[in-house]
Protein backbone atom coordinates (compact mmCIF):
# COMPACT_ATOMS: atom_id res chain seq x y z
CA UNK A 1 -0.23 -0.19 -0.32
CA UNK A 2 3.03 2.21 0.04
CA UNK A 3 5.19 3.76 -2.91
CA UNK A 4 8.42 4.56 -1.83
CA UNK A 5 10.69 6.31 -5.19
CA UNK A 6 13.91 5.35 -5.22
CA UNK A 7 16.41 8.93 -5.86
CA UNK A 8 17.76 6.74 -8.87
CA UNK A 9 14.62 7.59 -10.68
CA UNK A 10 13.85 10.88 -12.51
CA UNK A 11 10.92 10.94 -14.12
CA UNK A 12 7.91 8.72 -13.85
CA UNK A 13 5.44 7.64 -17.59
CA UNK A 14 2.14 7.84 -18.15
CA UNK A 15 -0.12 5.60 -15.74
CA UNK A 16 2.79 4.21 -13.79
CA UNK A 17 0.44 3.94 -11.55
CA UNK A 18 -3.05 4.60 -12.68
CA UNK A 19 -5.62 1.83 -11.15
CA UNK A 20 -3.74 1.32 -8.53
CA UNK A 21 -6.51 0.72 -6.15
CA UNK A 22 -4.56 -0.09 -2.79
CA UNK A 23 -2.04 2.05 -2.98
CA UNK A 24 -2.49 4.21 -0.08
CA UNK A 25 0.91 6.45 0.16
CA UNK A 26 3.80 7.67 -2.21
CA UNK A 27 7.27 9.48 -1.11
CA UNK A 28 8.06 10.77 -4.35
CA UNK A 29 12.61 12.05 -4.27
CA UNK A 30 13.94 15.35 -5.02
CA UNK A 31 14.60 13.29 -8.55
CA UNK A 32 11.89 13.35 -10.07
CA UNK A 33 11.50 16.03 -13.08
CA UNK A 34 8.24 15.06 -15.01
CA UNK A 35 5.17 13.45 -13.78
CA UNK A 36 3.52 11.05 -17.11
CA UNK A 37 0.33 11.65 -17.90
CA UNK A 38 -2.58 9.18 -15.98
CA UNK A 39 0.21 7.84 -13.45
CA UNK A 40 -1.71 8.31 -10.88
CA UNK A 41 -5.58 8.31 -11.97
CA UNK A 42 -8.03 6.59 -10.66
CA UNK A 43 -5.79 5.67 -7.20
CA UNK A 44 -7.87 6.21 -5.71
CA UNK A 45 -6.80 5.76 -1.66
CA UNK A 46 -4.28 7.77 -1.50
CA UNK A 47 -4.92 10.69 0.62
CA UNK A 48 -1.77 13.60 0.66
CA UNK A 49 0.95 14.21 -1.88
CA UNK A 50 4.12 16.48 -1.84
CA UNK A 51 5.36 17.11 -5.68
CA UNK A 52 8.92 17.77 -5.07
CA UNK A 53 11.26 20.59 -6.31
CA UNK A 54 12.63 19.28 -8.94
CA UNK A 55 9.69 18.68 -10.36
CA UNK A 56 9.67 20.12 -14.28
CA UNK A 57 6.19 18.65 -15.27
CA UNK A 58 2.73 17.12 -14.57
CA UNK A 59 0.86 14.97 -16.54
CA UNK A 60 -2.42 15.51 -18.54
CA UNK A 61 -5.19 13.54 -15.84
CA UNK A 62 -1.85 12.72 -13.96
CA UNK A 63 -4.19 12.42 -10.03
CA UNK A 64 -7.28 12.51 -12.30
CA UNK A 65 -10.20 10.27 -9.90
CA UNK A 66 -8.18 9.83 -7.25
CA UNK A 67 -11.13 11.30 -4.96
CA UNK A 68 -9.26 10.13 -1.71
CA UNK A 69 -6.83 12.90 -2.05
CA UNK A 70 -7.09 16.06 0.12
CA UNK A 71 -4.18 17.75 0.39
CA UNK A 72 -1.99 18.76 -2.63
CA UNK A 73 1.61 20.15 -1.50
CA UNK A 74 3.59 21.26 -4.18
CA UNK A 75 7.22 22.33 -3.56
CA UNK A 76 7.96 22.65 -7.02
CA UNK A 77 9.07 26.71 -7.31
CA UNK A 78 10.37 25.66 -10.92
CA UNK A 79 6.99 24.02 -12.32
CA UNK A 80 6.47 25.01 -16.21
CA UNK A 81 3.01 22.98 -17.56
CA UNK A 82 0.28 20.82 -15.44
CA UNK A 83 -1.86 18.99 -18.02
CA UNK A 84 -4.93 18.90 -18.88
CA UNK A 85 -7.59 17.34 -16.20
CA UNK A 86 -4.46 16.43 -13.95
CA UNK A 87 -6.67 16.80 -10.88
CA UNK A 88 -9.82 16.49 -12.21
CA UNK A 89 -12.69 14.14 -10.42
CA UNK A 90 -10.38 15.04 -7.02
CA UNK A 91 -12.88 15.28 -4.95
CA UNK A 92 -11.98 15.03 -1.37
CA UNK A 93 -9.86 17.65 -2.33
CA UNK A 94 -9.29 20.75 -0.04
CA UNK A 95 -6.14 22.13 -0.78
CA UNK A 96 -3.72 23.03 -3.16
CA UNK A 97 -0.96 25.65 -3.67
CA UNK A 98 -0.15 27.04 -7.35
CA UNK A 99 2.96 27.58 -7.99
CA UNK A 100 4.27 31.31 -9.15
CA UNK A 101 6.30 29.13 -12.05
CA UNK A 102 3.15 28.57 -13.64
CA UNK A 103 1.75 30.50 -16.58
CA UNK A 104 -1.20 29.01 -17.39
CA UNK A 105 -4.11 26.59 -15.58
CA UNK A 106 -4.83 24.54 -18.19
CA UNK A 107 -8.33 22.84 -19.02
CA UNK A 108 -10.21 21.28 -16.85
CA UNK A 109 -7.07 21.50 -13.91
CA UNK A 110 -9.34 21.55 -11.39
CA UNK A 111 -12.74 19.53 -13.10
CA UNK A 112 -15.42 18.58 -10.65
CA UNK A 113 -13.38 19.20 -7.44
CA UNK A 114 -16.87 19.93 -5.20
CA UNK A 115 -14.62 20.23 -1.62
CA UNK A 116 -12.42 22.46 -2.98
CA UNK A 117 -13.53 25.52 -0.80
CA UNK A 118 -10.66 27.64 -1.93
CA UNK A 119 -7.38 28.76 -3.86
CA UNK A 120 -5.06 31.27 -4.03
CA UNK A 121 -4.31 31.87 -8.08
CA UNK A 122 -0.41 33.55 -8.55
CA UNK A 123 0.08 36.17 -9.95
CA UNK A 124 1.81 34.49 -12.95
CA UNK A 125 -0.94 33.25 -14.34
CA UNK A 126 -2.07 34.90 -17.77
CA UNK A 127 -4.80 32.57 -18.52
CA UNK A 128 -7.65 29.89 -17.23
CA UNK A 129 -8.16 27.04 -19.62
CA UNK A 130 -11.95 25.83 -20.43
CA UNK A 131 -13.81 24.31 -17.30
CA UNK A 132 -10.68 24.71 -15.00
CA UNK A 133 -12.63 24.86 -12.22
CA UNK A 134 -16.47 24.60 -14.03
CA UNK A 135 -18.20 22.05 -10.77
CA UNK A 136 -16.15 23.52 -7.29
CA UNK A 137 -17.95 25.30 -4.23
CA UNK A 138 -15.06 28.40 -3.68
CA UNK A 139 -17.61 30.83 -2.96
CA UNK A 140 -14.60 33.58 -3.15
CA UNK A 141 -11.69 34.19 -5.75
CA UNK A 142 -9.21 37.32 -6.44
CA UNK A 143 -8.14 36.70 -9.54
CA UNK A 144 -4.74 38.56 -10.86
CA UNK A 145 -3.89 41.78 -12.92
CA UNK A 146 -1.97 39.76 -14.77
CA UNK A 147 -5.27 37.26 -16.14
CA UNK A 148 -5.51 37.96 -19.81
CA UNK A 149 -7.91 34.57 -20.96
CA UNK A 150 -10.59 33.21 -18.60
CA UNK A 151 -11.96 29.76 -20.81
CA UNK A 152 -14.65 28.97 -21.61
CA UNK A 153 -16.89 27.84 -18.54
CA UNK A 154 -14.38 28.40 -16.72
CA UNK A 155 -16.63 28.62 -13.36
CA UNK A 156 -19.49 26.69 -14.82
CA UNK A 157 -21.93 25.55 -11.88
CA UNK A 158 -19.63 26.92 -8.76
CA UNK A 159 -22.67 27.57 -7.53
CA UNK A 160 -20.67 29.27 -4.00
CA UNK A 161 -19.16 31.70 -6.00
CA UNK A 162 -20.73 34.88 -4.31
CA UNK A 163 -18.15 36.71 -5.60
CA UNK A 164 -15.23 37.84 -8.13
CA UNK A 165 -13.59 40.74 -9.48
CA UNK A 166 -12.06 40.64 -13.43
CA UNK A 167 -8.79 42.18 -13.81
CA UNK A 168 -8.66 45.12 -16.07
CA UNK A 169 -5.80 43.36 -18.16
CA UNK A 170 -9.16 40.70 -19.26
CA UNK A 171 -9.17 40.11 -22.99
CA UNK A 172 -11.62 37.15 -23.89
CA UNK A 173 -14.58 35.95 -21.61
CA UNK A 174 -15.08 32.22 -22.76
CA UNK A 175 -18.36 30.53 -23.71
CA UNK A 176 -20.33 30.05 -20.50
CA UNK A 177 -17.02 31.75 -18.46
CA UNK A 178 -20.22 31.79 -14.98
CA UNK A 179 -22.90 29.56 -16.38
CA UNK A 180 -24.64 28.18 -13.49
CA UNK A 181 -23.70 29.81 -10.56
CA UNK A 182 -27.03 31.89 -8.90
CA UNK A 183 -24.75 32.60 -6.49
CA UNK A 184 -23.06 35.90 -8.56
CA UNK A 185 -24.94 38.77 -7.22
CA UNK A 186 -22.41 41.40 -9.19
CA UNK A 187 -20.10 41.16 -11.53
CA UNK A 188 -18.35 43.76 -13.63
CA UNK A 189 -17.20 43.46 -17.32
CA UNK A 190 -13.94 45.45 -18.05
CA UNK A 191 -13.41 47.75 -21.21
CA UNK A 192 -10.62 45.42 -21.76
CA UNK A 193 -12.37 42.49 -23.49
CA UNK A 194 -12.77 42.12 -27.36
């Protein structure tokens, strides 16, 4: 039920531990540079994971459907990409930090994370992808002044969302970006929207 990745390993390949349904604990050493697509997909008993400071990329759907995952601590300040749907349907996820080295929150990155009530978006983020926070439970979000693009359905069905600021840097607001956000009372659309 526990895996300790040895320090000789630098890459975790696509699907390495996909559907390891009895896996409860993973220890990643500071030698890991990349975590592949679907690497820990459907590892439904993992409760927490620490991403070491050496990691530069997390693949698409890497932790999708890890339904017991409550906490993800990203120690890396050099991470360049977190792929589409990386934490999709992690229904217990409550705690995650987004590193300031990241520029894009990819499509569906937190889609269906229904226990995610609070998240801080760093000032490095310029794009929030399609469906990035769809069906999350966030009630308030501060968008950074660097943000240029909010993708389609980015905050769809965030029913608790009642407070959001759209920065004047924003140029694109995707179709259905706030569809079904029934708690939003005020929303000021900046003149910068094209």
